[in-house]
N, C-alpha and C. Protein backbone atom coordinates (compact mmCIF):
# COMPACT_ATOMS: atom_id res chain seq x y z
N MET A 1 0.76 -1.26 -0.02
CA MET A 1 0.09 -0.06 0.01
C MET A 1 0.72 1.21 0.00
N PRO A 2 2.12 1.25 0.50
CA PRO A 2 2.87 2.39 0.36
C PRO A 2 3.11 2.92 -0.98
N ASP A 3 3.14 1.94 -2.03
CA ASP A 3 3.23 2.44 -3.48
C ASP A 3 2.11 3.18 -3.88
N LEU A 4 0.86 2.70 -3.49
CA LEU A 4 -0.41 3.49 -3.74
C LEU A 4 -0.34 4.88 -3.15
N GLN A 5 0.04 5.08 -1.88
CA GLN A 5 0.19 6.08 -1.13
C GLN A 5 1.11 7.17 -1.93
N ARG A 6 2.27 6.74 -2.19
CA ARG A 6 3.18 7.51 -2.89
C ARG A 6 2.68 7.91 -4.27
N ALA A 7 2.05 7.04 -4.91
CA ALA A 7 1.49 7.39 -6.27
C ALA A 7 0.62 8.45 -6.33
N ILE A 8 -0.25 8.57 -5.29
CA ILE A 8 -1.41 9.46 -5.23
C ILE A 8 -1.16 10.77 -4.39
N GLN A 9 -0.09 10.83 -3.69
CA GLN A 9 0.14 11.83 -2.64
C GLN A 9 0.11 13.25 -3.35
N GLY A 10 0.50 13.37 -4.52
CA GLY A 10 0.56 14.71 -5.14
C GLY A 10 -0.70 14.93 -6.07
N CYS A 11 -1.71 14.21 -5.90
CA CYS A 11 -2.85 14.41 -6.63
C CYS A 11 -3.41 15.77 -6.60
N LEU A 12 -3.79 16.30 -7.83
CA LEU A 12 -4.42 17.56 -8.08
C LEU A 12 -5.67 17.29 -8.90
N ALA A 13 -6.29 16.25 -8.84
CA ALA A 13 -7.49 15.83 -9.76
C ALA A 13 -8.70 16.76 -9.49
N CYS A 14 -8.82 17.33 -8.28
CA CYS A 14 -9.87 18.18 -7.99
C CYS A 14 -9.45 19.43 -7.26
N PRO A 15 -10.30 20.33 -7.05
CA PRO A 15 -9.96 21.65 -6.36
C PRO A 15 -9.53 21.62 -4.94
N LEU A 16 -9.58 20.42 -4.17
CA LEU A 16 -9.28 20.22 -2.94
C LEU A 16 -7.71 20.16 -2.76
N GLY A 17 -6.97 19.65 -3.81
CA GLY A 17 -5.56 19.20 -3.72
C GLY A 17 -4.76 20.42 -3.37
N PRO A 18 -4.85 21.61 -4.00
CA PRO A 18 -4.03 22.69 -3.85
C PRO A 18 -4.20 23.43 -2.44
N GLY A 19 -5.48 23.17 -1.81
CA GLY A 19 -5.77 23.86 -0.55
C GLY A 19 -5.40 23.05 0.76
N ARG A 20 -4.90 21.83 0.54
CA ARG A 20 -4.68 20.90 1.73
C ARG A 20 -3.17 21.29 2.23
N LEU A 21 -3.03 20.94 3.57
CA LEU A 21 -1.87 20.95 4.23
C LEU A 21 -1.22 19.72 4.16
N LYS A 22 -2.01 18.59 4.27
CA LYS A 22 -1.43 17.24 4.20
C LYS A 22 -2.54 16.41 3.57
N PHE A 23 -1.99 15.42 2.89
CA PHE A 23 -2.75 14.46 2.23
C PHE A 23 -3.10 13.39 3.12
N VAL A 24 -4.35 13.00 3.49
CA VAL A 24 -4.82 11.97 4.37
C VAL A 24 -5.24 10.82 3.73
N PHE A 25 -4.25 9.83 3.70
CA PHE A 25 -4.40 8.68 2.90
C PHE A 25 -5.27 7.62 3.66
N GLY A 26 -5.07 7.50 4.85
CA GLY A 26 -5.80 6.37 5.61
C GLY A 26 -4.76 5.71 6.41
N GLU A 27 -5.15 4.87 7.47
CA GLU A 27 -4.24 4.27 8.31
C GLU A 27 -4.83 3.08 8.97
N GLY A 28 -4.00 2.18 9.38
CA GLY A 28 -4.36 0.92 10.15
C GLY A 28 -3.70 -0.19 9.56
N ASP A 29 -4.29 -1.39 9.85
CA ASP A 29 -3.80 -2.76 9.57
C ASP A 29 -4.11 -2.89 7.98
N PRO A 30 -2.98 -3.05 7.31
CA PRO A 30 -3.25 -3.23 5.83
C PRO A 30 -4.06 -4.67 5.44
N LYS A 31 -4.13 -5.47 6.57
CA LYS A 31 -4.87 -6.77 6.43
C LYS A 31 -6.11 -6.81 7.14
N ALA A 32 -6.56 -5.55 7.60
CA ALA A 32 -7.68 -5.39 8.60
C ALA A 32 -8.78 -6.18 7.91
N ARG A 33 -9.77 -6.74 8.88
CA ARG A 33 -10.91 -7.42 8.48
C ARG A 33 -12.02 -6.50 8.53
N LEU A 34 -11.89 -5.46 9.32
CA LEU A 34 -12.94 -4.54 9.51
C LEU A 34 -12.42 -3.05 9.08
N MET A 35 -13.01 -2.46 8.01
CA MET A 35 -12.63 -1.05 7.51
C MET A 35 -13.72 -0.11 7.81
N PHE A 36 -13.38 1.14 8.35
CA PHE A 36 -14.25 2.22 8.31
C PHE A 36 -13.97 3.25 7.21
N VAL A 37 -15.11 3.72 6.59
CA VAL A 37 -14.93 4.59 5.60
C VAL A 37 -15.83 5.96 5.87
N GLY A 38 -15.03 7.06 6.05
CA GLY A 38 -15.83 8.34 6.51
C GLY A 38 -15.94 9.18 5.27
N GLU A 39 -16.24 10.58 5.43
CA GLU A 39 -16.41 11.34 4.30
C GLU A 39 -15.09 12.17 3.81
N GLY A 40 -14.40 12.76 4.77
CA GLY A 40 -13.26 13.52 4.38
C GLY A 40 -12.57 14.09 5.60
N PRO A 41 -11.33 14.43 5.52
CA PRO A 41 -10.60 14.96 6.63
C PRO A 41 -11.09 16.33 6.95
N GLY A 42 -11.05 16.60 8.39
CA GLY A 42 -11.48 17.93 8.91
C GLY A 42 -10.09 18.57 9.11
N ARG A 43 -10.28 19.69 9.91
CA ARG A 43 -8.98 20.63 10.12
C ARG A 43 -7.94 19.71 10.83
N ASP A 44 -8.29 19.03 11.93
CA ASP A 44 -7.38 18.38 12.59
C ASP A 44 -6.65 17.21 11.95
N GLU A 45 -7.43 16.58 11.14
CA GLU A 45 -6.88 15.47 10.12
C GLU A 45 -5.89 16.17 9.15
N ASP A 46 -6.31 17.32 8.67
CA ASP A 46 -5.44 17.93 7.54
C ASP A 46 -4.10 18.37 8.14
N GLN A 47 -4.13 18.81 9.50
CA GLN A 47 -2.97 19.20 10.07
C GLN A 47 -2.06 17.95 10.53
N ALA A 48 -2.72 16.86 10.81
CA ALA A 48 -2.07 15.70 11.24
C ALA A 48 -1.60 14.81 10.11
N GLY A 49 -2.31 14.79 9.10
CA GLY A 49 -2.06 13.88 7.92
C GLY A 49 -2.63 12.59 8.22
N ARG A 50 -3.59 12.47 9.20
CA ARG A 50 -4.07 11.08 9.63
C ARG A 50 -5.73 11.16 9.85
N PRO A 51 -6.43 10.18 9.44
CA PRO A 51 -7.95 10.28 9.46
C PRO A 51 -8.47 10.09 11.01
N PHE A 52 -9.58 10.98 11.22
CA PHE A 52 -10.25 10.73 12.47
C PHE A 52 -9.35 10.89 13.67
N VAL A 53 -8.69 12.08 13.87
CA VAL A 53 -7.88 12.37 15.09
C VAL A 53 -8.41 13.55 15.85
N GLY A 54 -9.44 14.08 15.45
CA GLY A 54 -10.30 15.14 16.30
C GLY A 54 -11.18 14.49 17.24
N LYS A 55 -12.18 15.19 17.78
CA LYS A 55 -13.22 14.81 18.55
C LYS A 55 -14.05 13.49 17.90
N ALA A 56 -14.41 13.64 16.83
CA ALA A 56 -15.01 12.57 16.06
C ALA A 56 -14.10 11.36 16.10
N GLY A 57 -12.87 11.52 15.93
CA GLY A 57 -11.83 10.50 15.88
C GLY A 57 -11.77 9.79 17.38
N GLU A 58 -11.70 10.59 18.31
CA GLU A 58 -11.70 10.14 19.66
C GLU A 58 -12.98 9.26 19.94
N LEU A 59 -14.08 9.80 19.47
CA LEU A 59 -15.31 8.78 19.75
C LEU A 59 -15.13 7.66 18.88
N LEU A 60 -14.86 7.57 17.68
CA LEU A 60 -14.59 6.40 16.75
C LEU A 60 -13.73 5.48 17.60
N ASP A 61 -12.62 5.94 18.15
CA ASP A 61 -11.71 5.06 18.86
C ASP A 61 -12.34 4.40 19.97
N LYS A 62 -13.24 5.13 20.78
CA LYS A 62 -13.85 4.47 21.83
C LYS A 62 -15.07 3.46 21.35
N MET A 63 -15.51 3.73 20.18
CA MET A 63 -16.50 2.97 19.56
C MET A 63 -15.72 1.60 19.25
N ILE A 64 -14.61 1.54 18.65
CA ILE A 64 -13.90 0.42 18.22
C ILE A 64 -13.49 -0.30 19.33
N VAL A 65 -13.07 0.32 20.46
CA VAL A 65 -12.81 -0.38 21.81
C VAL A 65 -13.88 -1.06 22.32
N ALA A 66 -15.03 -0.45 22.29
CA ALA A 66 -16.37 -1.05 22.79
C ALA A 66 -16.87 -2.37 22.07
N ILE A 67 -16.35 -2.57 20.79
CA ILE A 67 -16.57 -3.78 20.23
C ILE A 67 -15.40 -4.80 20.44
N GLY A 68 -14.54 -4.43 21.12
CA GLY A 68 -13.41 -5.38 21.40
C GLY A 68 -12.18 -5.31 20.47
N LEU A 69 -11.93 -4.23 19.84
CA LEU A 69 -10.87 -4.10 18.94
C LEU A 69 -9.98 -2.89 19.36
N ARG A 70 -8.96 -2.82 18.71
CA ARG A 70 -8.08 -1.44 18.83
C ARG A 70 -8.07 -0.86 17.54
N ARG A 71 -7.92 0.52 17.54
CA ARG A 71 -7.73 1.23 16.06
C ARG A 71 -6.78 0.49 15.27
N GLU A 72 -5.62 0.08 15.88
CA GLU A 72 -4.78 -0.46 14.94
C GLU A 72 -5.24 -1.85 14.30
N ASP A 73 -6.28 -2.46 14.88
CA ASP A 73 -6.78 -3.57 14.29
C ASP A 73 -7.67 -3.32 13.13
N THR A 74 -7.98 -2.26 12.71
CA THR A 74 -8.92 -1.79 11.66
C THR A 74 -8.11 -0.96 10.65
N TYR A 75 -8.90 -0.66 9.63
CA TYR A 75 -8.42 0.34 8.73
C TYR A 75 -9.33 1.29 8.48
N ILE A 76 -8.84 2.72 8.69
CA ILE A 76 -9.73 3.91 8.64
C ILE A 76 -9.35 4.72 7.28
N ALA A 77 -10.24 5.02 6.57
CA ALA A 77 -10.08 5.78 5.39
C ALA A 77 -11.22 6.73 5.17
N ASN A 78 -11.07 7.61 4.17
CA ASN A 78 -12.25 8.60 3.90
C ASN A 78 -12.56 8.44 2.32
N ILE A 79 -13.64 8.98 1.98
CA ILE A 79 -14.01 9.13 0.56
C ILE A 79 -13.04 10.01 -0.04
N VAL A 80 -12.77 11.20 0.53
CA VAL A 80 -11.80 12.14 -0.22
C VAL A 80 -10.58 12.30 0.70
N LYS A 81 -9.54 12.40 0.19
CA LYS A 81 -8.10 12.50 0.83
C LYS A 81 -7.64 13.87 1.30
N CYS A 82 -8.42 14.90 0.91
CA CYS A 82 -8.07 16.28 1.20
C CYS A 82 -9.15 16.92 1.81
N ARG A 83 -8.91 17.83 2.65
CA ARG A 83 -9.95 18.57 3.50
C ARG A 83 -10.72 19.59 2.61
N PRO A 84 -12.13 19.46 2.65
CA PRO A 84 -12.85 20.39 2.04
C PRO A 84 -12.94 21.65 2.95
N PRO A 85 -12.95 22.89 2.23
CA PRO A 85 -12.78 24.10 3.02
C PRO A 85 -13.99 24.11 3.91
N ASP A 86 -13.70 24.71 5.10
CA ASP A 86 -14.57 24.97 6.26
C ASP A 86 -15.32 23.57 6.57
N ASN A 87 -14.72 22.47 6.48
CA ASN A 87 -15.06 21.08 6.86
C ASN A 87 -16.34 20.77 6.19
N ARG A 88 -16.67 21.41 5.08
CA ARG A 88 -18.03 21.10 4.48
C ARG A 88 -18.07 19.67 3.96
N THR A 89 -19.14 19.20 3.50
CA THR A 89 -19.39 17.80 2.87
C THR A 89 -18.60 17.85 1.60
N PRO A 90 -17.90 16.83 1.22
CA PRO A 90 -17.32 16.84 -0.26
C PRO A 90 -18.39 16.68 -1.21
N THR A 91 -18.17 17.46 -2.32
CA THR A 91 -19.13 17.40 -3.49
C THR A 91 -18.89 16.03 -4.18
N SER A 92 -19.90 15.74 -5.04
CA SER A 92 -19.86 14.45 -5.72
C SER A 92 -18.68 14.53 -6.74
N ASP A 93 -18.32 15.56 -7.16
CA ASP A 93 -17.22 15.63 -8.15
C ASP A 93 -15.88 15.42 -7.41
N GLU A 94 -15.80 15.98 -6.26
CA GLU A 94 -14.49 15.83 -5.40
C GLU A 94 -14.52 14.33 -4.98
N ALA A 95 -15.63 13.73 -4.71
CA ALA A 95 -15.58 12.34 -4.29
C ALA A 95 -15.24 11.56 -5.39
N ARG A 96 -15.73 11.74 -6.61
CA ARG A 96 -15.50 10.96 -7.69
C ARG A 96 -13.95 11.01 -8.08
N ALA A 97 -13.28 12.09 -7.89
CA ALA A 97 -11.92 12.21 -8.12
C ALA A 97 -11.15 11.30 -7.16
N CYS A 98 -11.71 11.04 -6.11
CA CYS A 98 -10.81 10.25 -5.04
C CYS A 98 -11.37 8.75 -5.04
N LEU A 99 -12.47 8.50 -5.69
CA LEU A 99 -13.11 7.19 -5.49
C LEU A 99 -12.25 6.09 -5.97
N GLY A 100 -11.56 6.24 -7.04
CA GLY A 100 -10.61 5.25 -7.51
C GLY A 100 -9.55 4.86 -6.47
N TYR A 101 -9.08 5.83 -5.87
CA TYR A 101 -8.01 5.58 -4.86
C TYR A 101 -8.65 4.68 -3.70
N LEU A 102 -9.76 5.12 -3.16
CA LEU A 102 -10.46 4.34 -2.17
C LEU A 102 -10.74 2.96 -2.65
N ARG A 103 -11.19 2.77 -3.79
CA ARG A 103 -11.51 1.37 -4.29
C ARG A 103 -10.26 0.55 -4.34
N ARG A 104 -9.07 1.25 -4.73
CA ARG A 104 -7.91 0.53 -4.82
C ARG A 104 -7.46 0.06 -3.30
N GLN A 105 -7.68 0.92 -2.28
CA GLN A 105 -7.32 0.66 -0.95
C GLN A 105 -8.02 -0.62 -0.54
N ILE A 106 -9.42 -0.55 -0.78
CA ILE A 106 -10.32 -1.66 -0.49
C ILE A 106 -9.78 -2.98 -1.28
N GLU A 107 -9.37 -2.81 -2.42
CA GLU A 107 -8.93 -4.02 -3.11
C GLU A 107 -7.56 -4.60 -2.44
N LEU A 108 -6.79 -3.68 -2.01
CA LEU A 108 -5.57 -4.21 -1.42
C LEU A 108 -5.69 -4.66 0.05
N ILE A 109 -6.68 -4.16 0.87
CA ILE A 109 -6.90 -4.56 2.24
C ILE A 109 -7.82 -5.75 2.27
N GLN A 110 -8.77 -5.82 1.38
CA GLN A 110 -9.72 -7.13 1.36
C GLN A 110 -10.37 -7.10 2.60
N PRO A 111 -11.06 -6.23 3.15
CA PRO A 111 -11.75 -6.34 4.45
C PRO A 111 -12.82 -7.30 4.37
N ALA A 112 -13.19 -7.82 5.55
CA ALA A 112 -14.47 -8.76 5.54
C ALA A 112 -15.66 -8.00 5.61
N VAL A 113 -15.61 -6.80 6.25
CA VAL A 113 -16.77 -5.90 6.41
C VAL A 113 -16.21 -4.53 6.37
N ILE A 114 -17.03 -3.58 5.63
CA ILE A 114 -16.89 -2.15 5.65
C ILE A 114 -18.03 -1.51 6.44
N VAL A 115 -17.69 -0.55 7.33
CA VAL A 115 -18.58 0.29 8.01
C VAL A 115 -18.52 1.64 7.43
N THR A 116 -19.61 2.13 6.76
CA THR A 116 -19.66 3.50 6.26
C THR A 116 -20.12 4.43 7.36
N LEU A 117 -19.53 5.59 7.45
CA LEU A 117 -19.72 6.59 8.44
C LEU A 117 -20.42 7.83 7.85
N GLY A 118 -21.80 7.81 7.99
CA GLY A 118 -22.51 8.82 7.46
C GLY A 118 -23.01 8.65 6.10
N ALA A 119 -23.67 9.66 5.46
CA ALA A 119 -24.31 9.56 4.31
C ALA A 119 -23.36 9.61 3.09
N THR A 120 -22.24 10.40 3.05
CA THR A 120 -21.44 10.60 1.89
C THR A 120 -20.89 9.33 1.40
N PRO A 121 -20.13 8.53 2.33
CA PRO A 121 -19.65 7.31 1.80
C PRO A 121 -20.70 6.21 1.31
N LEU A 122 -21.79 6.37 1.81
CA LEU A 122 -22.91 5.45 1.40
C LEU A 122 -23.43 5.90 -0.11
N ARG A 123 -23.47 7.22 -0.21
CA ARG A 123 -23.93 7.72 -1.55
C ARG A 123 -22.73 7.50 -2.59
N GLU A 124 -21.58 7.77 -2.20
CA GLU A 124 -20.53 7.80 -3.33
C GLU A 124 -19.86 6.50 -3.47
N LEU A 125 -19.86 5.55 -2.48
CA LEU A 125 -19.21 4.27 -2.71
C LEU A 125 -20.28 3.16 -3.03
N LEU A 126 -21.51 3.29 -2.61
CA LEU A 126 -22.66 2.35 -2.99
C LEU A 126 -23.69 3.00 -3.85
N GLY A 127 -23.75 4.25 -4.14
CA GLY A 127 -24.65 4.79 -5.13
C GLY A 127 -26.05 4.84 -4.36
N ILE A 128 -26.08 4.71 -3.07
CA ILE A 128 -27.44 4.92 -2.29
C ILE A 128 -27.64 6.30 -1.81
N SER A 129 -28.64 7.03 -2.31
CA SER A 129 -28.85 8.39 -2.06
C SER A 129 -29.87 8.57 -0.87
N GLU A 130 -30.44 7.43 -0.34
CA GLU A 130 -31.49 7.68 0.64
C GLU A 130 -30.62 8.05 1.87
N GLY A 131 -31.29 8.87 2.88
CA GLY A 131 -30.59 9.43 3.93
C GLY A 131 -30.11 8.31 4.84
N ILE A 132 -29.03 8.50 5.57
CA ILE A 132 -28.58 7.62 6.50
C ILE A 132 -29.45 7.02 7.52
N THR A 133 -30.41 7.95 8.00
CA THR A 133 -31.30 7.45 9.11
C THR A 133 -32.31 6.43 8.36
N ARG A 134 -32.60 6.54 7.16
CA ARG A 134 -33.36 5.32 6.63
C ARG A 134 -32.60 4.04 6.39
N VAL A 135 -31.36 4.07 6.14
CA VAL A 135 -30.61 2.84 5.84
C VAL A 135 -29.62 2.35 6.96
N ARG A 136 -29.32 3.09 7.96
CA ARG A 136 -28.46 2.66 8.77
C ARG A 136 -28.88 1.34 9.51
N GLY A 137 -28.02 0.51 9.69
CA GLY A 137 -28.26 -0.80 10.43
C GLY A 137 -28.79 -1.77 9.38
N GLN A 138 -28.96 -1.53 8.18
CA GLN A 138 -29.28 -2.41 7.13
C GLN A 138 -28.08 -2.91 6.23
N TRP A 139 -27.84 -4.19 6.22
CA TRP A 139 -26.70 -4.66 5.51
C TRP A 139 -26.82 -4.27 4.01
N LYS A 140 -25.73 -3.87 3.35
CA LYS A 140 -25.66 -3.54 1.91
C LYS A 140 -24.52 -4.18 1.48
N ARG A 141 -24.33 -4.24 0.15
CA ARG A 141 -23.24 -5.09 -0.53
C ARG A 141 -22.46 -4.24 -1.47
N LEU A 142 -21.11 -4.28 -1.50
CA LEU A 142 -20.27 -3.57 -2.37
C LEU A 142 -19.74 -4.66 -3.30
N GLN A 143 -19.89 -4.52 -4.64
CA GLN A 143 -19.30 -5.55 -5.56
C GLN A 143 -17.92 -4.90 -5.95
N MET A 144 -16.77 -5.84 -5.78
CA MET A 144 -15.52 -5.25 -6.17
C MET A 144 -14.77 -6.63 -6.60
N GLY A 145 -14.18 -6.45 -7.73
CA GLY A 145 -13.21 -7.41 -8.23
C GLY A 145 -13.71 -8.88 -8.05
N GLY A 146 -15.02 -9.12 -8.30
CA GLY A 146 -15.55 -10.36 -8.26
C GLY A 146 -15.88 -10.92 -7.00
N ARG A 147 -15.73 -9.95 -5.85
CA ARG A 147 -16.25 -10.21 -4.65
C ARG A 147 -17.28 -9.25 -4.07
N GLU A 148 -17.98 -9.87 -3.15
CA GLU A 148 -19.13 -8.95 -2.51
C GLU A 148 -18.69 -8.68 -1.01
N ILE A 149 -18.65 -7.53 -0.73
CA ILE A 149 -18.28 -7.03 0.58
C ILE A 149 -19.49 -6.60 1.33
N PRO A 150 -19.81 -7.18 2.52
CA PRO A 150 -20.99 -6.64 3.35
C PRO A 150 -20.58 -5.17 3.76
N VAL A 151 -21.54 -4.31 3.80
CA VAL A 151 -21.31 -2.96 4.20
C VAL A 151 -22.33 -2.53 5.23
N MET A 152 -21.96 -2.08 6.39
CA MET A 152 -22.95 -1.74 7.48
C MET A 152 -22.92 -0.30 7.43
N PRO A 153 -23.94 0.48 7.01
CA PRO A 153 -23.94 2.05 7.18
C PRO A 153 -24.40 2.28 8.52
N THR A 154 -23.67 3.38 9.14
CA THR A 154 -24.14 3.84 10.44
C THR A 154 -23.86 5.55 10.46
N PHE A 155 -24.36 5.95 11.62
CA PHE A 155 -24.04 7.39 11.64
C PHE A 155 -22.55 7.76 11.79
N HIS A 156 -22.23 8.99 11.36
CA HIS A 156 -20.76 9.46 11.58
C HIS A 156 -20.55 9.94 12.89
N PRO A 157 -19.40 9.62 13.42
CA PRO A 157 -19.08 10.12 14.86
C PRO A 157 -19.32 11.46 15.14
N ALA A 158 -19.14 12.43 14.18
CA ALA A 158 -19.56 13.80 14.19
C ALA A 158 -21.00 14.14 14.55
N TYR A 159 -21.63 13.44 13.83
CA TYR A 159 -23.29 13.42 14.12
C TYR A 159 -23.76 12.82 15.51
N VAL A 160 -23.04 11.76 15.91
CA VAL A 160 -23.26 11.29 17.15
C VAL A 160 -22.96 12.29 18.29
N LEU A 161 -21.90 13.11 18.08
CA LEU A 161 -21.45 14.05 19.07
C LEU A 161 -22.52 15.22 19.11
N ARG A 162 -22.92 15.52 17.87
CA ARG A 162 -24.06 16.66 17.77
C ARG A 162 -25.36 16.23 18.39
N GLN A 163 -25.73 14.92 18.07
CA GLN A 163 -27.01 14.44 18.45
C GLN A 163 -26.93 13.38 19.42
N TYR A 164 -26.37 13.64 20.64
CA TYR A 164 -25.85 12.73 21.59
C TYR A 164 -27.15 12.21 22.47
N THR A 165 -27.94 11.45 21.80
CA THR A 165 -29.00 10.88 22.56
C THR A 165 -29.03 9.39 22.69
N GLN A 166 -29.80 9.00 23.64
CA GLN A 166 -29.72 7.45 23.80
C GLN A 166 -30.07 6.62 22.57
N ASP A 167 -31.09 7.21 21.86
CA ASP A 167 -31.43 6.43 20.56
C ASP A 167 -30.26 6.40 19.53
N VAL A 168 -29.56 7.62 19.36
CA VAL A 168 -28.51 7.47 18.39
C VAL A 168 -27.30 6.58 18.86
N ARG A 169 -27.04 6.76 20.10
CA ARG A 169 -25.94 5.95 20.67
C ARG A 169 -26.20 4.51 20.50
N ARG A 170 -27.54 4.14 20.88
CA ARG A 170 -28.02 2.73 20.74
C ARG A 170 -27.96 2.17 19.32
N SER A 171 -28.33 3.08 18.32
CA SER A 171 -28.32 2.66 16.94
C SER A 171 -26.94 2.33 16.55
N VAL A 172 -25.97 3.18 16.97
CA VAL A 172 -24.58 3.04 16.42
C VAL A 172 -23.95 1.83 17.07
N TRP A 173 -24.30 1.54 18.28
CA TRP A 173 -23.76 0.36 19.15
C TRP A 173 -24.37 -0.93 18.47
N GLU A 174 -25.56 -0.93 18.05
CA GLU A 174 -26.10 -2.00 17.45
C GLU A 174 -25.57 -2.45 15.94
N ASP A 175 -25.15 -1.13 15.24
CA ASP A 175 -24.64 -1.32 13.96
C ASP A 175 -23.13 -1.86 14.13
N LEU A 176 -22.41 -1.45 14.89
CA LEU A 176 -21.11 -1.85 15.22
C LEU A 176 -21.07 -3.33 15.67
N LYS A 177 -22.03 -3.59 16.67
CA LYS A 177 -22.03 -4.96 17.24
C LYS A 177 -22.20 -5.99 16.02
N ALA A 178 -23.21 -5.69 15.05
CA ALA A 178 -23.48 -6.44 13.95
C ALA A 178 -22.27 -6.62 12.99
N ALA A 179 -21.63 -5.47 12.74
CA ALA A 179 -20.37 -5.62 11.94
C ALA A 179 -19.25 -6.50 12.50
N LYS A 180 -19.21 -6.28 13.79
CA LYS A 180 -18.15 -7.07 14.59
C LYS A 180 -18.52 -8.64 14.43
N ALA A 181 -19.75 -8.94 14.78
CA ALA A 181 -20.27 -10.24 14.68
C ALA A 181 -20.02 -10.98 13.25
N TRP A 182 -20.22 -10.07 12.23
CA TRP A 182 -19.92 -10.54 10.79
C TRP A 182 -18.46 -10.82 10.74
N VAL A 183 -17.48 -9.99 11.17
CA VAL A 183 -16.11 -10.21 11.19
C VAL A 183 -15.76 -11.51 11.82
N ASP A 184 -16.29 -11.61 13.09
CA ASP A 184 -15.94 -12.89 13.92
C ASP A 184 -16.44 -14.12 13.19
N LYS A 185 -17.72 -14.10 12.63
CA LYS A 185 -18.23 -15.29 11.95
C LYS A 185 -17.29 -15.63 10.73
N GLY A 186 -16.86 -14.55 9.99
CA GLY A 186 -15.96 -14.94 8.81
C GLY A 186 -14.69 -15.42 9.36
N ALA A 187 -14.17 -15.14 10.47
CA ALA A 187 -12.90 -15.56 11.11
C ALA A 187 -13.07 -17.14 11.49
N GLU A 188 -14.20 -17.42 11.79
CA GLU A 188 -14.50 -18.91 12.11
C GLU A 188 -14.61 -19.76 10.90
N ASP A 189 -14.93 -19.16 9.71
CA ASP A 189 -15.07 -20.15 8.53
C ASP A 189 -13.85 -20.59 7.93
């Protein structure tokens, strides 16, 4: 995967490239069975060059620990690799410019399960435009390279921080437990 990272680090395929501080490729176990896909780096991630390092990242780390894993056991990436201005949602054009990179990461990692965080990865990776509240918790499938990868859509940790209710927390907990159970089931086969 370092070859892929080097190959795309200087990407200027969309307007986000020139404005970034650091390229945020993704990180984690390159053989991870569980992969998380968010929408794009925020200010903290742009400064650090790592995904999910701000408050949403702290919550994601806690969520990963709650299902019995460590961040290092998973792989974490985003739809776009450069920070959108003012932490806005990436446009479809920006996402399409990066989507090939993400798909190549998925091909190399070959995760057993992908958890999409929020509506953007759901829309851009799977082509599902329904809102996240309608489809979270429902298994979806990603066809790649002759394989079918189960995908569990759930809320983005930033949303959970903004809407910190018992229902939202319970929903995310159920989604992550289901994803972990699928990973564990696959490990037994």
